[in-house]
C-alpha atoms as a PDB file:
ATOM      1  CA  UNK A   1       0.000   0.000   0.000  1.00  0.00           C
ATOM      2  CA  UNK A   2       1.415   3.364  -0.978  1.00  0.00           C
ATOM      3  CA  UNK A   3       1.697   6.072   1.627  1.00  0.00           C
ATOM      4  CA  UNK A   4      -0.992   8.074  -0.171  1.00  0.00           C
ATOM      5  CA  UNK A   5      -3.514   5.262   0.216  1.00  0.00           C
ATOM      6  CA  UNK A   6      -3.018   4.554   3.895  1.00  0.00           C
ATOM      7  CA  UNK A   7      -6.160   4.618   6.092  1.00  0.00           C
ATOM      8  CA  UNK A   8      -4.764   7.652   7.903  1.00  0.00           C
ATOM      9  CA  UNK A   9      -4.408   9.607   4.666  1.00  0.00           C
ATOM     10  CA  UNK A  10      -7.860   8.480   3.565  1.00  0.00           C
ATOM     11  CA  UNK A  11      -9.336   9.984   6.722  1.00  0.00           C
ATOM     12  CA  UNK A  12      -7.261  13.113   6.225  1.00  0.00           C
ATOM     13  CA  UNK A  13      -8.600  13.498   2.698  1.00  0.00           C
ATOM     14  CA  UNK A  14     -12.160  12.965   3.982  1.00  0.00           C
ATOM     15  CA  UNK A  15     -11.674  15.772   6.504  1.00  0.00           C
ATOM     16  CA  UNK A  16     -10.387  18.103   3.758  1.00  0.00           C
ATOM     17  CA  UNK A  17     -13.464  17.357   1.656  1.00  0.00           C
ATOM     18  CA  UNK A  18     -15.705  18.001   4.645  1.00  0.00           C
ATOM     19  CA  UNK A  19     -14.105  21.391   5.267  1.00  0.00           C
ATOM     20  CA  UNK A  20     -14.354  22.297   1.586  1.00  0.00           C
ATOM     21  CA  UNK A  21     -18.010  21.295   1.612  1.00  0.00           C
ATOM     22  CA  UNK A  22     -18.661  23.446   4.689  1.00  0.00           C
ATOM     23  CA  UNK A  23     -17.103  26.458   2.969  1.00  0.00           C
ATOM     24  CA  UNK A  24     -19.283  25.951  -0.116  1.00  0.00           C
ATOM     25  CA  UNK A  25     -22.342  25.501   2.053  1.00  0.00           C
ATOM     26  CA  UNK A  26     -21.715  28.771   3.863  1.00  0.00           C
ATOM     27  CA  UNK A  27     -21.387  30.435   0.458  1.00  0.00           C
ATOM     28  CA  UNK A  28     -24.800  28.904  -0.410  1.00  0.00           C
ATOM     29  CA  UNK A  29     -23.282  26.909  -3.240  1.00  0.00           C
ATOM     30  CA  UNK A  30     -25.179  23.800  -2.244  1.00  0.00           C
ATOM     31  CA  UNK A  31     -24.417  21.787  -5.352  1.00  0.00           C
ATOM     32  CA  UNK A  32     -20.659  22.212  -4.908  1.00  0.00           C
ATOM     33  CA  UNK A  33     -20.964  21.455  -1.206  1.00  0.00           C
ATOM     34  CA  UNK A  34     -22.903  18.291  -2.013  1.00  0.00           C
ATOM     35  CA  UNK A  35     -20.230  17.217  -4.492  1.00  0.00           C
ATOM     36  CA  UNK A  36     -17.542  17.518  -1.813  1.00  0.00           C
ATOM     37  CA  UNK A  37     -19.560  15.731   0.839  1.00  0.00           C
ATOM     38  CA  UNK A  38     -20.428  12.777  -1.401  1.00  0.00           C
ATOM     39  CA  UNK A  39     -16.767  12.236  -2.318  1.00  0.00           C
ATOM     40  CA  UNK A  40     -16.048  11.530   1.342  1.00  0.00           C
ATOM     41  CA  UNK A  41     -17.673   8.110   1.047  1.00  0.00           C
ATOM     42  CA  UNK A  42     -15.185   7.081  -1.636  1.00  0.00           C
ATOM     43  CA  UNK A  43     -12.349   7.485   0.834  1.00  0.00           C
ATOM     44  CA  UNK A  44     -13.768   6.044   4.051  1.00  0.00           C
ATOM     45  CA  UNK A  45     -16.638   3.604   3.451  1.00  0.00           C
ATOM     46  CA  UNK A  46     -14.258   0.677   3.007  1.00  0.00           C
ATOM     47  CA  UNK A  47     -12.703   1.470   6.397  1.00  0.00           C
ATOM     48  CA  UNK A  48     -15.895   0.648   8.277  1.00  0.00           C
ATOM     49  CA  UNK A  49     -17.589  -2.316   6.652  1.00  0.00           C
ATOM     50  CA  UNK A  50     -20.873  -3.586   8.104  1.00  0.00           C
ATOM     51  CA  UNK A  51     -20.398  -6.543  10.447  1.00  0.00           C
ATOM     52  CA  UNK A  52     -22.077  -9.026   8.076  1.00  0.00           C
ATOM     53  CA  UNK A  53     -19.778  -7.964   5.244  1.00  0.00           C
ATOM     54  CA  UNK A  54     -16.728  -8.179   7.506  1.00  0.00           C
ATOM     55  CA  UNK A  55     -17.620 -11.806   8.253  1.00  0.00           C
ATOM     56  CA  UNK A  56     -17.898 -12.525   4.547  1.00  0.00           C
ATOM     57  CA  UNK A  57     -14.501 -11.108   3.589  1.00  0.00           C
ATOM     58  CA  UNK A  58     -12.727 -12.262   6.744  1.00  0.00           C
ATOM     59  CA  UNK A  59      -8.978 -11.624   6.575  1.00  0.00           C
ATOM     60  CA  UNK A  60      -9.431  -9.921   3.219  1.00  0.00           C
ATOM     61  CA  UNK A  61     -11.034  -6.917   4.911  1.00  0.00           C
ATOM     62  CA  UNK A  62      -9.189  -3.651   4.217  1.00  0.00           C
ATOM     63  CA  UNK A  63      -6.490  -2.608   6.682  1.00  0.00           C
ATOM     64  CA  UNK A  64      -7.688   0.260   8.863  1.00  0.00           C
ATOM     65  CA  UNK A  65      -4.279   1.079  10.346  1.00  0.00           C
ATOM     66  CA  UNK A  66      -4.599   3.348  13.348  1.00  0.00           C
ATOM     67  CA  UNK A  67      -7.995   4.691  12.233  1.00  0.00           C
ATOM     68  CA  UNK A  68     -10.691   3.837  14.759  1.00  0.00           C
ATOM     69  CA  UNK A  69     -13.991   2.428  13.484  1.00  0.00           C
ATOM     70  CA  UNK A  70     -15.949   4.911  15.630  1.00  0.00           C
ATOM     71  CA  UNK A  71     -14.143   7.810  13.934  1.00  0.00           C
ATOM     72  CA  UNK A  72     -15.054   6.454  10.521  1.00  0.00           C
ATOM     73  CA  UNK A  73     -18.662   5.990  11.580  1.00  0.00           C
ATOM     74  CA  UNK A  74     -18.823   9.521  12.909  1.00  0.00           C
ATOM     75  CA  UNK A  75     -17.504  10.895   9.616  1.00  0.00           C
ATOM     76  CA  UNK A  76     -20.031   8.800   7.669  1.00  0.00           C
ATOM     77  CA  UNK A  77     -22.903  10.119   9.784  1.00  0.00           C
ATOM     78  CA  UNK A  78     -21.775  13.741   9.469  1.00  0.00           C
ATOM     79  CA  UNK A  79     -21.256  13.447   5.711  1.00  0.00           C
ATOM     80  CA  UNK A  80     -24.725  11.971   5.211  1.00  0.00           C
ATOM     81  CA  UNK A  81     -26.309  14.651   7.391  1.00  0.00           C
ATOM     82  CA  UNK A  82     -24.539  17.373   5.431  1.00  0.00           C
ATOM     83  CA  UNK A  83     -25.655  15.822   2.141  1.00  0.00           C
ATOM     84  CA  UNK A  84     -29.191  15.797   3.517  1.00  0.00           C
ATOM     85  CA  UNK A  85     -28.997  19.496   4.388  1.00  0.00           C
ATOM     86  CA  UNK A  86     -27.777  20.356   0.891  1.00  0.00           C
ATOM     87  CA  UNK A  87     -30.613  18.340  -0.652  1.00  0.00           C
ATOM     88  CA  UNK A  88     -33.108  20.035   1.658  1.00  0.00           C
ATOM     89  CA  UNK A  89     -31.858  23.462   0.571  1.00  0.00           C
ATOM     90  CA  UNK A  90     -32.196  22.431  -3.067  1.00  0.00           C
ATOM     91  CA  UNK A  91     -35.783  21.310  -2.559  1.00  0.00           C
ATOM     92  CA  UNK A  92     -34.905  17.640  -3.111  1.00  0.00           C
ATOM     93  CA  UNK A  93     -36.823  16.398  -0.090  1.00  0.00           C
ATOM     94  CA  UNK A  94     -36.950  12.705  -0.977  1.00  0.00           C
ATOM     95  CA  UNK A  95     -33.175  12.683  -1.434  1.00  0.00           C
ATOM     96  CA  UNK A  96     -32.727  14.544   1.852  1.00  0.00           C
ATOM     97  CA  UNK A  97     -34.750  11.895   3.661  1.00  0.00           C
ATOM     98  CA  UNK A  98     -32.715   9.166   1.960  1.00  0.00           C
ATOM     99  CA  UNK A  99     -29.430  10.635   3.231  1.00  0.00           C
ATOM    100  CA  UNK A 100     -30.928  10.873   6.731  1.00  0.00           C
ATOM    101  CA  UNK A 101     -31.867   7.198   6.629  1.00  0.00           C
ATOM    102  CA  UNK A 102     -28.306   6.344   5.652  1.00  0.00           C
ATOM    103  CA  UNK A 103     -26.984   8.344   8.593  1.00  0.00           C
ATOM    104  CA  UNK A 104     -29.442   6.676  10.974  1.00  0.00           C
ATOM    105  CA  UNK A 105     -28.442   3.261   9.676  1.00  0.00           C
ATOM    106  CA  UNK A 106     -24.935   4.016  10.938  1.00  0.00           C
ATOM    107  CA  UNK A 107     -26.139   5.682  14.131  1.00  0.00           C
ATOM    108  CA  UNK A 108     -29.822   5.295  15.126  1.00  0.00           C
ATOM    109  CA  UNK A 109     -29.337   8.081  17.689  1.00  0.00           C
ATOM    110  CA  UNK A 110     -28.092  10.654  15.182  1.00  0.00           C
ATOM    111  CA  UNK A 111     -30.162  13.599  16.421  1.00  0.00           C
ATOM    112  CA  UNK A 112     -29.416  15.984  13.581  1.00  0.00           C
ATOM    113  CA  UNK A 113     -30.403  13.334  11.035  1.00  0.00           C
ATOM    114  CA  UNK A 114     -33.782  13.001  12.760  1.00  0.00           C
ATOM    115  CA  UNK A 115     -34.178  16.791  12.737  1.00  0.00           C
ATOM    116  CA  UNK A 116     -33.449  17.069   9.015  1.00  0.00           C
ATOM    117  CA  UNK A 117     -35.644  14.077   8.229  1.00  0.00           C
ATOM    118  CA  UNK A 118     -38.519  15.750  10.071  1.00  0.00           C
ATOM    119  CA  UNK A 119     -38.126  18.911   7.999  1.00  0.00           C
ATOM    120  CA  UNK A 120     -37.997  16.872   4.793  1.00  0.00           C
ATOM    121  CA  UNK A 121     -41.054  14.833   5.779  1.00  0.00           C
ATOM    122  CA  UNK A 122     -43.048  17.986   6.459  1.00  0.00           C
ATOM    123  CA  UNK A 123     -42.356  19.210   2.931  1.00  0.00           C
ATOM    124  CA  UNK A 124     -43.316  15.805   1.544  1.00  0.00           C
ATOM    125  CA  UNK A 125     -46.685  16.089   3.379  1.00  0.00           C
ATOM    126  CA  UNK A 126     -45.852  13.161   5.678  1.00  0.00           C
ATOM    127  CA  UNK A 127     -47.422  14.952   8.632  1.00  0.00           C
ATOM    128  CA  UNK A 128     -47.374  12.126  11.165  1.00  0.00           C
ATOM    129  CA  UNK A 129     -43.739  11.286  10.445  1.00  0.00           C
ATOM    130  CA  UNK A 130     -42.793  14.965  10.523  1.00  0.00           C
ATOM    131  CA  UNK A 131     -44.541  15.456  13.847  1.00  0.00           C
ATOM    132  CA  UNK A 132     -42.667  12.575  15.460  1.00  0.00           C
ATOM    133  CA  UNK A 133     -39.266  13.776  14.214  1.00  0.00           C
ATOM    134  CA  UNK A 134     -39.805  17.488  14.875  1.00  0.00           C
ATOM    135  CA  UNK A 135     -41.039  16.925  18.431  1.00  0.00           C
ATOM    136  CA  UNK A 136     -37.944  14.813  19.057  1.00  0.00           C
ATOM    137  CA  UNK A 137     -35.779  17.551  17.553  1.00  0.00           C
ATOM    138  CA  UNK A 138     -37.398  20.222  19.702  1.00  0.00           C
ATOM    139  CA  UNK A 139     -36.362  18.368  22.855  1.00  0.00           C
ATOM    140  CA  UNK A 140     -32.737  18.239  21.760  1.00  0.00           C
ATOM    141  CA  UNK A 141     -32.574  21.527  19.852  1.00  0.00           C
ATOM    142  CA  UNK A 142     -35.042  23.757  21.769  1.00  0.00           C
ATOM    143  CA  UNK A 143     -33.557  26.992  20.402  1.00  0.00           C
ATOM    144  CA  UNK A 144     -33.549  25.944  16.749  1.00  0.00           C
ATOM    145  CA  UNK A 145     -35.775  28.457  14.933  1.00  0.00           C
ATOM    146  CA  UNK A 146     -36.217  26.177  11.932  1.00  0.00           C
ATOM    147  CA  UNK A 147     -37.691  23.453  14.117  1.00  0.00           C
ATOM    148  CA  UNK A 148     -39.992  25.924  15.865  1.00  0.00           C
ATOM    149  CA  UNK A 149     -41.177  27.388  12.561  1.00  0.00           C
ATOM    150  CA  UNK A 150     -41.738  23.949  11.051  1.00  0.00           C
ATOM    151  CA  UNK A 151     -43.822  22.874  14.043  1.00  0.00           C
ATOM    152  CA  UNK A 152     -46.001  25.965  13.599  1.00  0.00           C
ATOM    153  CA  UNK A 153     -46.394  25.151   9.920  1.00  0.00           C
ATOM    154  CA  UNK A 154     -47.254  21.578  10.860  1.00  0.00           C
ATOM    155  CA  UNK A 155     -50.124  22.824  13.071  1.00  0.00           C
ATOM    156  CA  UNK A 156     -51.514  24.862  10.167  1.00  0.00           C
ATOM    157  CA  UNK A 157     -51.304  21.886   7.818  1.00  0.00           C
ATOM    158  CA  UNK A 158     -53.074  19.611  10.327  1.00  0.00           C
ATOM    159  CA  UNK A 159     -55.797  22.256  10.691  1.00  0.00           C
ATOM    160  CA  UNK A 160     -56.271  22.375   6.918  1.00  0.00           C
ATOM    161  CA  UNK A 161     -56.497  18.586   6.761  1.00  0.00           C
ATOM    162  CA  UNK A 162     -59.133  18.477   9.521  1.00  0.00           C
ATOM    163  CA  UNK A 163     -61.152  21.190   7.757  1.00  0.00           C
ATOM    164  CA  UNK A 164     -61.122  19.249   4.489  1.00  0.00           C
ATOM    165  CA  UNK A 165     -62.139  16.074   6.338  1.00  0.00           C
ATOM    166  CA  UNK A 166     -65.070  17.869   7.970  1.00  0.00           C
ATOM    167  CA  UNK A 167     -66.203  19.216   4.599  1.00  0.00           C
ATOM    168  CA  UNK A 168     -65.889  15.756   3.074  1.00  0.00           C
ATOM    169  CA  UNK A 169     -67.901  14.087   5.848  1.00  0.00           C
ATOM    170  CA  UNK A 170     -70.531  16.841   5.757  1.00  0.00           C
ATOM    171  CA  UNK A 171     -70.939  16.297   2.018  1.00  0.00           C
ATOM    172  CA  UNK A 172     -71.246  12.538   2.522  1.00  0.00           C
ATOM    173  CA  UNK A 173     -73.981  12.952   5.160  1.00  0.00           C
ATOM    174  CA  UNK A 174     -75.880  15.481   3.027  1.00  0.00           C
ATOM    175  CA  UNK A 175     -75.773  13.107   0.086  1.00  0.00           C
ATOM    176  CA  UNK A 176     -76.946  10.220   2.264  1.00  0.00           C
ATOM    177  CA  UNK A 177     -79.835  12.267   3.671  1.00  0.00           C
ATOM    178  CA  UNK A 178     -80.854  13.366   0.165  1.00  0.00           C
ATOM    179  CA  UNK A 179     -80.736   9.780  -1.055  1.00  0.00           C
ATOM    180  CA  UNK A 180     -82.882   8.604   1.860  1.00  0.00           C
ATOM    181  CA  UNK A 181     -85.431  11.393   1.182  1.00  0.00           C
ATOM    182  CA  UNK A 182     -85.620  10.453  -2.486  1.00  0.00           C
ATOM    183  CA  UNK A 183     -86.077   6.780  -1.593  1.00  0.00           C
ATOM    184  CA  UNK A 184     -88.916   7.656   0.796  1.00  0.00           C
ATOM    185  CA  UNK A 185     -90.682   9.729  -1.858  1.00  0.00           C
ATOM    186  CA  UNK A 186     -90.327   6.939  -4.395  1.00  0.00           C
ATOM    187  CA  UNK A 187     -91.718   4.433  -1.886  1.00  0.00           C
ATOM    188  CA  UNK A 188     -94.778   6.639  -1.291  1.00  0.00           C
ATOM    189  CA  UNK A 189     -95.391   6.956  -5.038  1.00  0.00           C
ATOM    190  CA  UNK A 190     -95.131   3.191  -5.433  1.00  0.00           C
ATOM    191  CA  UNK A 191     -97.572   2.657  -2.580  1.00  0.00           C
ATOM    192  CA  UNK A 192    -100.160   5.035  -4.089  1.00  0.00           C
ATOM    193  CA  UNK A 193     -99.713   3.478  -7.528  1.00  0.00           C
ATOM    194  CA  UNK A 194    -100.282   0.045  -6.009  1.00  0.00           C
ATOM    195  CA  UNK A 195    -103.521   1.184  -4.316  1.00  0.00           C
ATOM    196  CA  UNK A 196    -104.816   2.682  -7.573  1.00  0.00           C
ATOM    197  CA  UNK A 197    -103.940  -0.498  -9.450  1.00  0.00           C
ATOM    198  CA  UNK A 198    -105.852  -2.579  -6.900  1.00  0.00           C
ATOM    199  CA  UNK A 199    -108.866  -0.272  -7.196  1.00  0.00           C
ATOM    200  CA  UNK A 200    -108.815  -0.505 -10.986  1.00  0.00           C
ATOM    201  CA  UNK A 201    -108.472  -4.256 -10.854  1.00  0.00           C
ATOM    202  CA  UNK A 202    -111.378  -4.537  -8.429  1.00  0.00           C
ATOM    203  CA  UNK A 203    -113.674  -2.382 -10.575  1.00  0.00           C
ATOM    204  CA  UNK A 204    -112.656  -4.226 -13.667  1.00  0.00           C
ATOM    205  CA  UNK A 205    -113.795  -7.523 -12.197  1.00  0.00           C
ATOM    206  CA  UNK A 206    -117.344  -6.151 -11.576  1.00  0.00           C
ATOM    207  CA  UNK A 207    -117.795  -3.921 -14.635  1.00  0.00           C
ATOM    208  CA  UNK A 208    -116.263  -4.119 -18.113  1.00  0.00           C
ATOM    209  CA  UNK A 209    -116.712  -0.385 -18.642  1.00  0.00           C
ATOM    210  CA  UNK A 210    -113.813   2.012 -18.567  1.00  0.00           C
ATOM    211  CA  UNK A 211    -112.786   3.559 -15.258  1.00  0.00           C
ATOM    212  CA  UNK A 212    -114.027   7.177 -15.118  1.00  0.00           C
ATOM    213  CA  UNK A 213    -111.420   9.912 -14.968  1.00  0.00           C
ATOM    214  CA  UNK A 214    -111.582  11.126 -11.325  1.00  0.00           C
ATOM    215  CA  UNK A 215    -110.923  14.696 -12.489  1.00  0.00           C
ATOM    216  CA  UNK A 216    -113.344  14.780 -15.426  1.00  0.00           C
ATOM    217  CA  UNK A 217    -116.007  16.683 -13.512  1.00  0.00           C
ATOM    218  CA  UNK A 218    -113.636  19.107 -11.817  1.00  0.00           C
ATOM    219  CA  UNK A 219    -113.403  22.564 -13.345  1.00  0.00           C
ATOM    220  CA  UNK A 220    -110.130  24.501 -13.504  1.00  0.00           C
ATOM    221  CA  UNK A 221    -107.170  25.218 -15.730  1.00  0.00           C
ATOM    222  CA  UNK A 222    -105.209  22.120 -14.607  1.00  0.00           C
ATOM    223  CA  UNK A 223    -107.937  19.610 -15.558  1.00  0.00           C
ATOM    224  CA  UNK A 224    -107.058  17.406 -18.586  1.00  0.00           C
ATOM    225  CA  UNK A 225    -109.254  18.170 -21.611  1.00  0.00           C
ATOM    226  CA  UNK A 226    -109.780  14.500 -22.480  1.00  0.00           C
ATOM    227  CA  UNK A 227    -112.133  12.573 -20.218  1.00  0.00           C
ATOM    228  CA  UNK A 228    -110.289   9.355 -20.972  1.00  0.00           C
ATOM    229  CA  UNK A 229    -106.880  10.620 -19.723  1.00  0.00           C
ATOM    230  CA  UNK A 230    -105.663   9.001 -16.505  1.00  0.00           C
ATOM    231  CA  UNK A 231    -103.907  10.940 -13.725  1.00  0.00           C
ATOM    232  CA  UNK A 232    -100.135  10.592 -13.511  1.00  0.00           C
ATOM    233  CA  UNK A 233     -98.590   8.815 -10.563  1.00  0.00           C
ATOM    234  CA  UNK A 234     -96.463  11.883  -9.809  1.00  0.00           C
ATOM    235  CA  UNK A 235     -99.625  13.923  -9.267  1.00  0.00           C
ATOM    236  CA  UNK A 236    -100.894  11.372  -6.768  1.00  0.00           C
ATOM    237  CA  UNK A 237     -97.679  11.376  -4.728  1.00  0.00           C
ATOM    238  CA  UNK A 238     -97.874  14.997  -3.645  1.00  0.00           C
END
């Protein structure tokens, strides 16, 4: 192994990339910052292999020299968190959440990763997930204005959701009530029609003559002109 490729120099290069990324981030050049942060993984990921992979490669695992695994893990977590922040600033919320998950895979207690994930979830409309993360973040970063502002925004979004739900349910109940009213009216019309049919059938069995029009002798503008015209069922239902 050449001196340039020693684990110690790999970690040194990772630190240089981190510092360069921080400078770009402060200058609000988030794309350049992201490029520096992502290069860190090329230099250090092989120095801290997952335990299952270490068992697979055995003695073939890369030499870590004097570099401590916990230092590598810390750098991996920080790099992923910084990548998440850059993605958040760029409006790439799904990518921001992905970087947070990678950080939390290395360290489930990575508080800043949970904070950033909460902010990303809020912007992805995952309100329940955002609430859980942001409340956790508030306990550990009580003075963070971004967390406070996001929690206020979360309350507004929950309020909007509840309002829409109320409107939806109100519309459903109104529709149900209208349907029931229509069904009742139709049932009444059917009942009246049935009674009339029975009456006609009964008269028909005793007399072969036509059934008189019940309105034929009633004067008024709404009376049908033809004495043979039968009343409509809709008129009987009122």
